[in-house]
Amino acid sequence: METTYTAFWDKLAIQAYKSLLKGNPNSSLAHHNLGLAYLRIGRANKAIRSFLRALKGDKLFSSAYYH
């Protein structure tokens, strides 16, 4: 179960990654990490989209396949 403390940091991370992606929209690492943050707060659909975008930028980004 997500704690309030962890959810706070994940939501902050989501804002940071979205901001980063405005300047570098093809960053597979940023999309992957955004997906992890979404997954931790229970937003599975958004997480999947982020992982797919990570793979679109780099088909060999193995971590995106794992999650």
Protein backbone atom coordinates (compact mmCIF):
# COMPACT_ATOMS: atom_id res chain seq x y z
CA MET A 1 0.00 0.00 0.00
CA GLU A 2 1.24 3.43 -0.91
CA THR A 3 2.07 5.61 2.05
CA THR A 4 1.33 9.32 2.04
CA TYR A 5 5.05 10.04 2.38
CA THR A 6 5.99 7.93 -0.64
CA ALA A 7 3.05 9.23 -2.69
CA PHE A 8 4.22 12.79 -2.03
CA TRP A 9 7.68 12.07 -3.45
CA ASP A 10 6.32 10.12 -6.40
CA LYS A 11 3.97 12.97 -7.32
CA LEU A 12 6.87 15.39 -7.06
CA ALA A 13 8.95 13.10 -9.28
CA ILE A 14 6.12 12.96 -11.83
CA GLN A 15 6.11 16.75 -12.06
CA ALA A 16 9.89 16.80 -12.46
CA TYR A 17 9.94 14.13 -15.19
CA LYS A 18 7.12 15.81 -17.10
CA SER A 19 9.04 19.07 -16.99
CA LEU A 20 12.22 17.32 -18.14
CA LEU A 21 10.36 15.67 -21.02
CA LYS A 22 9.22 19.06 -22.32
CA GLY A 23 12.85 19.82 -23.12
CA ASN A 24 13.84 16.30 -24.13
CA PRO A 25 10.70 14.42 -25.26
CA ASN A 26 12.65 11.41 -26.56
CA SER A 27 14.40 10.53 -23.30
CA SER A 28 13.77 6.83 -22.76
CA LEU A 29 15.15 7.02 -19.23
CA ALA A 30 12.83 9.87 -18.25
CA HIS A 31 9.80 8.08 -19.71
CA HIS A 32 10.79 4.90 -17.88
CA ASN A 33 11.24 6.66 -14.54
CA LEU A 34 7.97 8.53 -15.04
CA GLY A 35 6.30 5.16 -15.58
CA LEU A 36 7.77 3.82 -12.34
CA ALA A 37 6.43 6.80 -10.40
CA TYR A 38 2.98 6.36 -11.96
CA LEU A 39 3.07 2.65 -11.13
CA ARG A 40 3.90 3.33 -7.47
CA ILE A 41 0.90 5.64 -7.05
CA GLY A 42 -1.45 3.17 -8.73
CA ARG A 43 -1.79 4.82 -12.15
CA ALA A 44 -1.16 1.67 -14.20
CA ASN A 45 -2.52 3.02 -17.50
CA LYS A 46 -0.26 6.07 -17.39
CA ALA A 47 2.65 3.86 -16.37
CA ILE A 48 2.12 1.58 -19.37
CA ARG A 49 2.01 4.56 -21.73
CA SER A 50 5.25 5.87 -20.27
CA PHE A 51 6.96 2.49 -20.63
CA LEU A 52 5.78 2.24 -24.25
CA ARG A 53 7.16 5.71 -24.96
CA ALA A 54 10.47 4.63 -23.43
CA LEU A 55 10.55 1.70 -25.85
CA LYS A 56 9.59 3.90 -28.77
CA GLY A 57 12.72 5.95 -28.16
CA ASP A 58 14.96 2.94 -27.58
CA LYS A 59 13.79 -0.57 -28.47
CA LEU A 60 16.68 -2.05 -26.48
CA PHE A 61 15.74 -0.28 -23.23
CA SER A 62 15.30 -3.55 -21.36
CA SER A 63 13.97 -2.09 -18.10
CA ALA A 64 10.86 -0.87 -19.88
CA TYR A 65 10.10 -4.43 -20.98
CA TYR A 66 10.47 -5.67 -17.41
CA HIS A 67 7.92 -3.31 -15.89
